[in-house]
Amino acid sequence: MAKQQVTILSGAGMSAESGIRTFRDAGGLWEEHRVEDVATPEAWQRDPQLVLKFYNQRRKQLLEVLPNAGHLALKQLEEAFDVRVITQNVDDLHERAGSTQVLHLHGELRKSRSTGPSQRVNGIEGHELNWGDLCAEGFQLRPHIVWFGEEVVEMDNAASIVSESDAVIIVGTSMNVYPANGLIRYAPRHAPVWVIDPNATELHQVGRAKVIARNSGTALPELVERLLRDGI
């Protein structure tokens, strides 16, 4: 018998509990630079070395942190359910915790992409990607990140996954960022929805959601334990 599918929609709040600063934080990482200067196609055209330096700093920080209890709980959830993680985060903390099915909407920090026609994606050893680092075809490598103004190419795949859910857990995200904020509309009517976020009151658009206004590091392990014990 096939396992029931639990779909996770995760966001920056989940990574923040591992120590990753988010651009929404007061005094957060992105406030050191204007978004327009480091996370747009125009920024890359204007000053690619600044963009590379910015993502090198983020990558270095990522290598210094570990998955938290929330990430580890999702791996545990795979014991009984078909767990699909759709994340707005560009870190690899879900994978490092052991989750086996992770879809990154906004790209992956530890990967590079060719600026040539192939747009081939490669892993990055260590934390540095520098000007002059070329793909096999001789084109400059760029961060494998979906910048502001670029198409979120995984949206159709994400919508398909949500539409097949038996339950949905929204964790660490206000679901205010377009286009990811529209994914919940694809959840089947029979699928229960949980929202785990200290600011979950902002998620009024998820009318049928069971709101847990707490941090994911404590609330998610408790919810996982309950699902493993009682089912959906």
Protein backbone atom coordinates (compact mmCIF):
# COMPACT_ATOMS: atom_id res chain seq x y z
CA MET A 1 0.00 0.00 0.00
CA ALA A 2 1.37 3.40 -1.00
CA LYS A 3 2.29 5.80 1.75
CA GLN A 4 0.17 8.90 2.24
CA GLN A 5 1.86 12.06 0.96
CA VAL A 6 2.73 14.87 3.34
CA THR A 7 3.91 18.02 1.57
CA ILE A 8 6.08 20.53 3.40
CA LEU A 9 6.22 24.18 2.29
CA SER A 10 9.24 25.62 4.09
CA GLY A 11 10.67 29.11 4.24
CA ALA A 12 13.34 31.31 5.75
CA GLY A 13 12.09 31.04 9.33
CA MET A 14 13.08 27.39 9.39
CA SER A 15 16.66 28.11 8.32
CA ALA A 16 16.86 31.06 10.70
CA GLU A 17 16.62 28.63 13.61
CA SER A 18 19.88 27.08 12.43
CA GLY A 19 21.53 30.49 12.52
CA ILE A 20 21.09 31.54 8.88
CA ARG A 21 20.33 35.22 8.72
CA THR A 22 17.43 36.15 6.45
CA PHE A 23 16.92 39.26 4.39
CA ARG A 24 13.72 39.98 6.32
CA ASP A 25 15.54 40.18 9.65
CA ALA A 26 16.26 43.59 11.15
CA GLY A 27 20.02 43.93 10.66
CA GLY A 28 19.94 40.81 8.52
CA LEU A 29 22.42 39.75 5.87
CA TRP A 30 20.70 41.39 2.95
CA GLU A 31 20.64 44.78 4.63
CA GLU A 32 24.37 45.00 4.06
CA HIS A 33 23.55 45.31 0.37
CA ARG A 34 20.56 46.53 -1.54
CA VAL A 35 18.71 43.63 -3.12
CA GLU A 36 19.07 45.38 -6.47
CA ASP A 37 22.86 45.25 -6.11
CA VAL A 38 23.28 41.54 -5.44
CA ALA A 39 20.19 39.54 -6.38
CA THR A 40 18.96 40.63 -9.80
CA PRO A 41 20.05 39.91 -13.38
CA GLU A 42 20.89 43.62 -13.68
CA ALA A 43 23.25 43.38 -10.71
CA TRP A 44 25.04 40.48 -12.38
CA GLN A 45 25.49 42.45 -15.57
CA ARG A 46 26.65 45.53 -13.69
CA ASP A 47 29.03 44.05 -11.09
CA PRO A 48 29.31 40.24 -11.22
CA GLN A 49 32.25 40.17 -8.84
CA LEU A 50 30.18 41.87 -6.11
CA VAL A 51 27.40 39.34 -6.67
CA LEU A 52 29.86 36.44 -6.46
CA LYS A 53 31.39 37.84 -3.27
CA PHE A 54 27.95 38.23 -1.70
CA TYR A 55 26.99 34.61 -2.38
CA ASN A 56 30.42 33.39 -1.27
CA GLN A 57 29.71 35.01 2.10
CA ARG A 58 26.32 33.33 2.32
CA ARG A 59 27.82 29.99 1.31
CA LYS A 60 30.56 30.30 3.93
CA GLN A 61 27.95 30.94 6.59
CA LEU A 62 25.91 27.95 5.44
CA LEU A 63 28.88 25.63 5.89
CA GLU A 64 29.18 26.78 9.50
CA VAL A 65 25.63 25.83 10.57
CA LEU A 66 23.76 22.57 11.06
CA PRO A 67 20.21 21.33 10.47
CA ASN A 68 17.95 21.96 13.45
CA ALA A 69 15.39 19.77 15.18
CA GLY A 70 12.71 20.76 12.67
CA HIS A 71 14.80 19.55 9.72
CA LEU A 72 15.59 16.30 11.51
CA ALA A 73 11.92 15.72 12.35
CA LEU A 74 11.02 15.79 8.65
CA LYS A 75 13.48 12.99 7.98
CA GLN A 76 11.82 11.03 10.78
CA LEU A 77 8.43 11.64 9.15
CA GLU A 78 9.62 9.64 6.13
CA GLU A 79 9.39 6.48 8.24
CA ALA A 80 5.62 6.41 7.71
CA PHE A 81 4.82 8.96 4.98
CA ASP A 82 5.84 9.98 1.48
CA VAL A 83 7.33 13.35 2.45
CA ARG A 84 7.81 15.97 -0.29
CA VAL A 85 9.61 19.16 0.72
CA ILE A 86 9.06 22.29 -1.36
CA THR A 87 11.32 25.00 -0.02
CA GLN A 88 11.85 28.67 -0.74
CA ASN A 89 15.25 28.34 0.94
CA VAL A 90 18.45 28.07 -1.08
CA ASP A 91 20.42 26.25 1.63
CA ASP A 92 20.88 22.47 1.77
CA LEU A 93 19.82 21.94 5.39
CA HIS A 94 16.88 19.73 4.43
CA GLU A 95 19.18 17.45 2.46
CA ARG A 96 21.83 17.42 5.17
CA ALA A 97 19.16 16.36 7.68
CA GLY A 98 18.33 13.40 5.44
CA SER A 99 15.19 14.46 3.56
CA THR A 100 15.21 12.58 0.26
CA GLN A 101 12.70 14.52 -1.85
CA VAL A 102 13.41 18.26 -1.83
CA LEU A 103 12.34 20.77 -4.49
CA HIS A 104 14.07 24.16 -4.34
CA LEU A 105 11.90 26.92 -5.79
CA HIS A 106 14.58 29.62 -5.64
CA GLY A 107 17.69 27.66 -6.55
CA GLU A 108 20.51 26.17 -4.51
CA LEU A 109 23.34 28.06 -2.87
CA ARG A 110 25.84 25.22 -3.11
CA LYS A 111 25.45 24.90 -6.88
CA SER A 112 26.57 26.95 -9.86
CA ARG A 113 25.04 27.34 -13.30
CA SER A 114 26.65 27.99 -16.66
CA THR A 115 25.90 31.34 -18.28
CA GLY A 116 26.22 29.59 -21.63
CA PRO A 117 23.42 28.05 -23.71
CA SER A 118 23.47 24.73 -21.80
CA GLN A 119 22.82 26.41 -18.41
CA ARG A 120 24.31 23.24 -16.94
CA VAL A 121 24.22 23.02 -13.15
CA ASN A 122 27.22 21.87 -11.11
CA GLY A 123 28.03 21.53 -7.44
CA ILE A 124 30.43 23.93 -5.71
CA GLU A 125 33.28 22.53 -3.64
CA GLY A 126 33.94 24.67 -0.57
CA HIS A 127 32.33 28.09 -0.40
CA GLU A 128 33.90 30.09 -3.22
CA LEU A 129 32.71 30.71 -6.76
CA ASN A 130 34.89 33.34 -8.39
CA TRP A 131 35.16 35.45 -11.51
CA GLY A 132 37.05 33.35 -14.05
CA ASP A 133 35.53 30.05 -12.91
CA LEU A 134 34.24 28.56 -16.15
CA CYS A 135 31.97 25.69 -17.12
CA ALA A 136 33.18 22.89 -19.39
CA GLU A 137 32.04 24.91 -22.43
CA GLY A 138 34.13 27.91 -21.38
CA PHE A 139 31.38 30.19 -20.03
CA GLN A 140 31.46 31.99 -16.70
CA LEU A 141 29.66 30.22 -13.86
CA ARG A 142 27.00 32.10 -11.88
CA PRO A 143 25.17 31.21 -8.66
CA HIS A 144 22.36 28.73 -9.22
CA ILE A 145 19.87 31.14 -7.66
CA VAL A 146 16.56 32.45 -8.96
CA TRP A 147 17.08 36.19 -8.74
CA PHE A 148 14.36 38.78 -8.41
CA GLY A 149 12.86 39.25 -11.84
CA GLU A 150 13.72 35.74 -13.03
CA GLU A 151 11.18 32.99 -13.70
CA VAL A 152 10.58 30.42 -10.95
CA VAL A 153 10.80 27.46 -13.31
CA GLU A 154 9.86 24.84 -10.70
CA MET A 155 6.43 26.31 -9.99
CA ASP A 156 4.51 23.83 -12.16
CA ASN A 157 6.28 20.90 -10.51
CA ALA A 158 5.57 22.36 -7.08
CA ALA A 159 1.88 22.88 -7.86
CA SER A 160 1.61 19.28 -9.07
CA ILE A 161 3.16 17.99 -5.84
CA VAL A 162 0.82 20.06 -3.66
CA SER A 163 -2.20 18.87 -5.66
CA GLU A 164 -1.37 15.25 -4.74
CA SER A 165 -1.07 15.91 -1.00
CA ASP A 166 -2.88 14.07 1.76
CA ALA A 167 -1.67 16.74 4.21
CA VAL A 168 0.27 20.00 3.99
CA ILE A 169 2.57 21.57 6.58
CA ILE A 170 3.58 25.21 6.05
CA VAL A 171 6.59 26.00 8.20
CA GLY A 172 8.76 29.08 8.65
CA THR A 173 7.13 31.17 5.93
CA SER A 174 4.48 33.86 5.85
CA MET A 175 3.58 32.69 2.32
CA ASN A 176 3.61 36.32 1.21
CA VAL A 177 6.27 35.96 -1.51
CA TYR A 178 4.99 35.65 -5.08
CA PRO A 179 4.59 33.17 -6.73
CA ALA A 180 5.11 30.63 -3.91
CA ASN A 181 2.23 32.18 -1.96
CA GLY A 182 -0.22 30.71 -4.49
CA LEU A 183 0.80 27.08 -3.96
CA ILE A 184 -1.61 26.42 -1.10
CA ARG A 185 -4.51 26.88 -3.52
CA TYR A 186 -3.58 23.55 -5.11
CA ALA A 187 -4.04 21.56 -1.89
CA PRO A 188 -6.96 19.10 -2.14
CA ARG A 189 -9.98 19.93 0.01
CA HIS A 190 -9.59 16.73 2.01
CA ALA A 191 -5.99 17.52 2.98
CA PRO A 192 -5.52 19.05 6.45
CA VAL A 193 -3.18 22.06 6.55
CA TRP A 194 -0.94 23.01 9.46
CA VAL A 195 0.85 26.35 9.70
CA ILE A 196 3.89 26.50 12.00
CA ASP A 197 5.24 30.02 12.32
CA PRO A 198 5.52 32.52 15.21
CA ASN A 199 3.83 35.07 12.92
CA ALA A 200 1.23 32.65 11.61
CA THR A 201 -1.59 35.11 12.18
CA GLU A 202 -0.48 36.70 8.89
CA LEU A 203 -1.64 33.54 7.10
CA HIS A 204 -5.31 34.39 7.24
CA GLN A 205 -5.65 33.39 3.59
CA VAL A 206 -5.19 29.74 4.59
CA GLY A 207 -8.65 29.65 6.12
CA ARG A 208 -8.80 25.96 7.02
CA ALA A 209 -5.31 25.82 8.50
CA LYS A 210 -4.55 24.65 12.00
CA VAL A 211 -2.24 27.38 13.24
CA ILE A 212 0.67 26.67 15.57
CA ALA A 213 2.22 30.07 16.34
CA ARG A 214 5.55 28.73 17.55
CA ASN A 215 9.04 28.14 16.22
CA SER A 216 9.55 25.16 13.94
CA GLY A 217 12.41 23.74 16.02
CA THR A 218 10.00 22.83 18.81
CA ALA A 219 6.57 22.67 17.18
CA LEU A 220 7.51 20.59 14.14
CA PRO A 221 9.01 17.66 16.10
CA GLU A 222 5.86 17.58 18.23
CA LEU A 223 3.59 17.56 15.18
CA VAL A 224 5.68 14.84 13.52
CA GLU A 225 5.49 12.71 16.65
CA ARG A 226 1.72 13.08 16.66
CA LEU A 227 1.40 12.19 12.97
CA LEU A 228 3.59 9.13 13.40
CA ARG A 229 1.49 8.03 16.35
CA ASP A 230 -2.03 8.92 15.20
CA GLY A 231 -1.79 9.31 11.43
CA ILE A 232 -3.27 12.16 9.42
